[in-house]
Structures are given as C-alpha cells and as structure tokens.
Amino acid sequence: MAGRGKAIGAGAKKMGQSRSHKAGLQFPVGRIARFLKAGKYADRVGAGAPVYLAAVLEYLAAEVLELAGNAARDNKKSRIVPRHIQLAVRNERS
C-alpha cells in the first residue's frame, strides 16, 4: 500500500509550535498571557487578546527602534544609546 509507513528520517518527534511562532511574532505571547492573567485585569482573558497585545507591542518597539536608529545614524554613531531613543520619542533632531 503506497503512502503508508514512516518516511526516511521521520523518526524524530516534531516539537510543538509556540503561539508567537504561529502568529509570526518575536514578542512572547505566552508570557504576555501569563502577565494578563496574573495582573487581575479581568477575571478571564480571551485567546486572541495576548496575541493582539504582543503584535501591538512589537509594532511599537519596531517603530521606536527605527527612529532611534535614524537618530544614531544622523549623529554618525553605529550604536543606539538611550539619548537616541529619547530623540526618537520626542521627535527632535540634534
């Protein structure tokens, strides 16, 4: 019977995927869910809430890092320091 049995090299058990990986995010969805539950913000936390919050936090972090990188490049630096983040958040150029 064709198509039955194990393929070559398929003996290894596949590990489960994290919710961050399923959502295509870098921020930890499981940790955010744990914090939401432990923080007593509500009696119950929906399954999509930590995914959405992780996506929003990741987006905000990416925006701030991009602006901070621009501020560092404007100051002819290759490393982002706290001053560059401050300039990015305050939208100043010096």
Protein backbone atom coordinates (compact mmCIF):
# COMPACT_ATOMS: atom_id res chain seq x y z
CA MET A 1 0.00 0.00 0.00
CA ALA A 2 1.64 3.15 -1.18
CA GLY A 3 1.81 6.18 1.07
CA ARG A 4 1.82 4.23 4.32
CA GLY A 5 4.54 4.00 6.93
CA LYS A 6 7.27 6.32 8.02
CA ALA A 7 9.35 8.29 5.60
CA ILE A 8 13.13 8.18 5.80
CA GLY A 9 14.34 10.33 8.69
CA ALA A 10 10.85 10.81 10.10
CA GLY A 11 11.67 9.01 13.35
CA ALA A 12 12.21 12.27 15.24
CA LYS A 13 9.21 13.62 17.09
CA LYS A 14 8.13 17.09 16.00
CA MET A 15 8.13 19.75 18.69
CA GLY A 16 5.09 21.94 19.24
CA GLN A 17 4.96 25.49 17.97
CA SER A 18 4.70 28.43 20.30
CA ARG A 19 1.86 30.89 19.92
CA SER A 20 4.42 33.54 18.99
CA HIS A 21 5.65 31.37 16.14
CA LYS A 22 2.11 30.64 14.95
CA ALA A 23 1.33 34.37 14.91
CA GLY A 24 4.66 35.24 13.25
CA LEU A 25 5.77 37.42 16.17
CA GLN A 26 9.01 37.89 18.08
CA PHE A 27 7.38 39.02 21.31
CA PRO A 28 6.37 36.23 23.74
CA VAL A 29 2.62 35.62 23.52
CA GLY A 30 2.65 33.05 26.33
CA ARG A 31 4.43 35.37 28.74
CA ILE A 32 2.07 38.24 27.95
CA ALA A 33 -0.90 35.91 28.52
CA ARG A 34 0.56 34.90 31.87
CA PHE A 35 1.03 38.53 32.88
CA LEU A 36 -2.51 39.41 31.84
CA LYS A 37 -3.91 36.57 33.94
CA ALA A 38 -1.70 37.30 36.96
CA GLY A 39 -2.35 41.04 36.85
CA LYS A 40 -6.06 40.62 37.57
CA TYR A 41 -7.06 42.99 34.79
CA ALA A 42 -10.10 40.79 34.23
CA ASP A 43 -11.48 37.52 35.52
CA ARG A 44 -10.95 35.86 32.15
CA VAL A 45 -8.58 36.54 29.25
CA GLY A 46 -9.56 35.58 25.72
CA ALA A 47 -7.26 33.55 23.50
CA GLY A 48 -6.73 36.37 21.00
CA ALA A 49 -6.04 39.15 23.49
CA PRO A 50 -2.39 38.29 24.29
CA VAL A 51 -1.66 37.72 20.58
CA TYR A 52 -3.06 41.13 19.68
CA LEU A 53 -1.24 42.84 22.55
CA ALA A 54 2.05 41.17 21.59
CA ALA A 55 1.59 42.33 17.99
CA VAL A 56 0.91 45.92 19.09
CA LEU A 57 3.93 45.95 21.44
CA GLU A 58 6.16 44.52 18.73
CA TYR A 59 4.98 47.14 16.25
CA LEU A 60 5.62 49.98 18.71
CA ALA A 61 9.07 48.64 19.57
CA ALA A 62 9.96 48.37 15.87
CA GLU A 63 8.83 51.95 15.21
CA VAL A 64 10.84 53.35 18.13
CA LEU A 65 13.91 51.33 17.16
CA GLU A 66 13.72 52.52 13.57
CA LEU A 67 13.52 56.16 14.64
CA ALA A 68 16.29 55.65 17.20
CA GLY A 69 18.46 54.07 14.51
CA ASN A 70 17.86 57.07 12.29
CA ALA A 71 18.86 59.38 15.16
CA ALA A 72 22.02 57.35 15.74
CA ARG A 73 22.91 57.47 12.05
CA ASP A 74 22.31 61.23 11.98
CA ASN A 75 24.81 61.56 14.84
CA LYS A 76 27.29 59.33 12.95
CA LYS A 77 27.06 56.54 15.53
CA SER A 78 26.68 52.84 14.84
CA ARG A 79 25.17 52.00 18.23
CA ILE A 80 21.84 53.14 19.68
CA VAL A 81 22.22 54.76 23.10
CA PRO A 82 19.43 55.99 25.41
CA ARG A 83 19.83 59.53 24.05
CA HIS A 84 18.89 58.31 20.57
CA ILE A 85 15.74 56.68 21.93
CA GLN A 86 14.85 59.90 23.70
CA LEU A 87 15.34 61.87 20.50
CA ALA A 88 13.19 59.37 18.62
CA VAL A 89 10.34 59.54 21.13
CA ARG A 90 10.43 63.31 21.42
CA ASN A 91 10.86 63.69 17.64
CA GLU A 92 13.81 66.04 17.96
CA ARG A 93 16.81 66.17 15.69
CA SER A 94 20.10 67.44 17.09
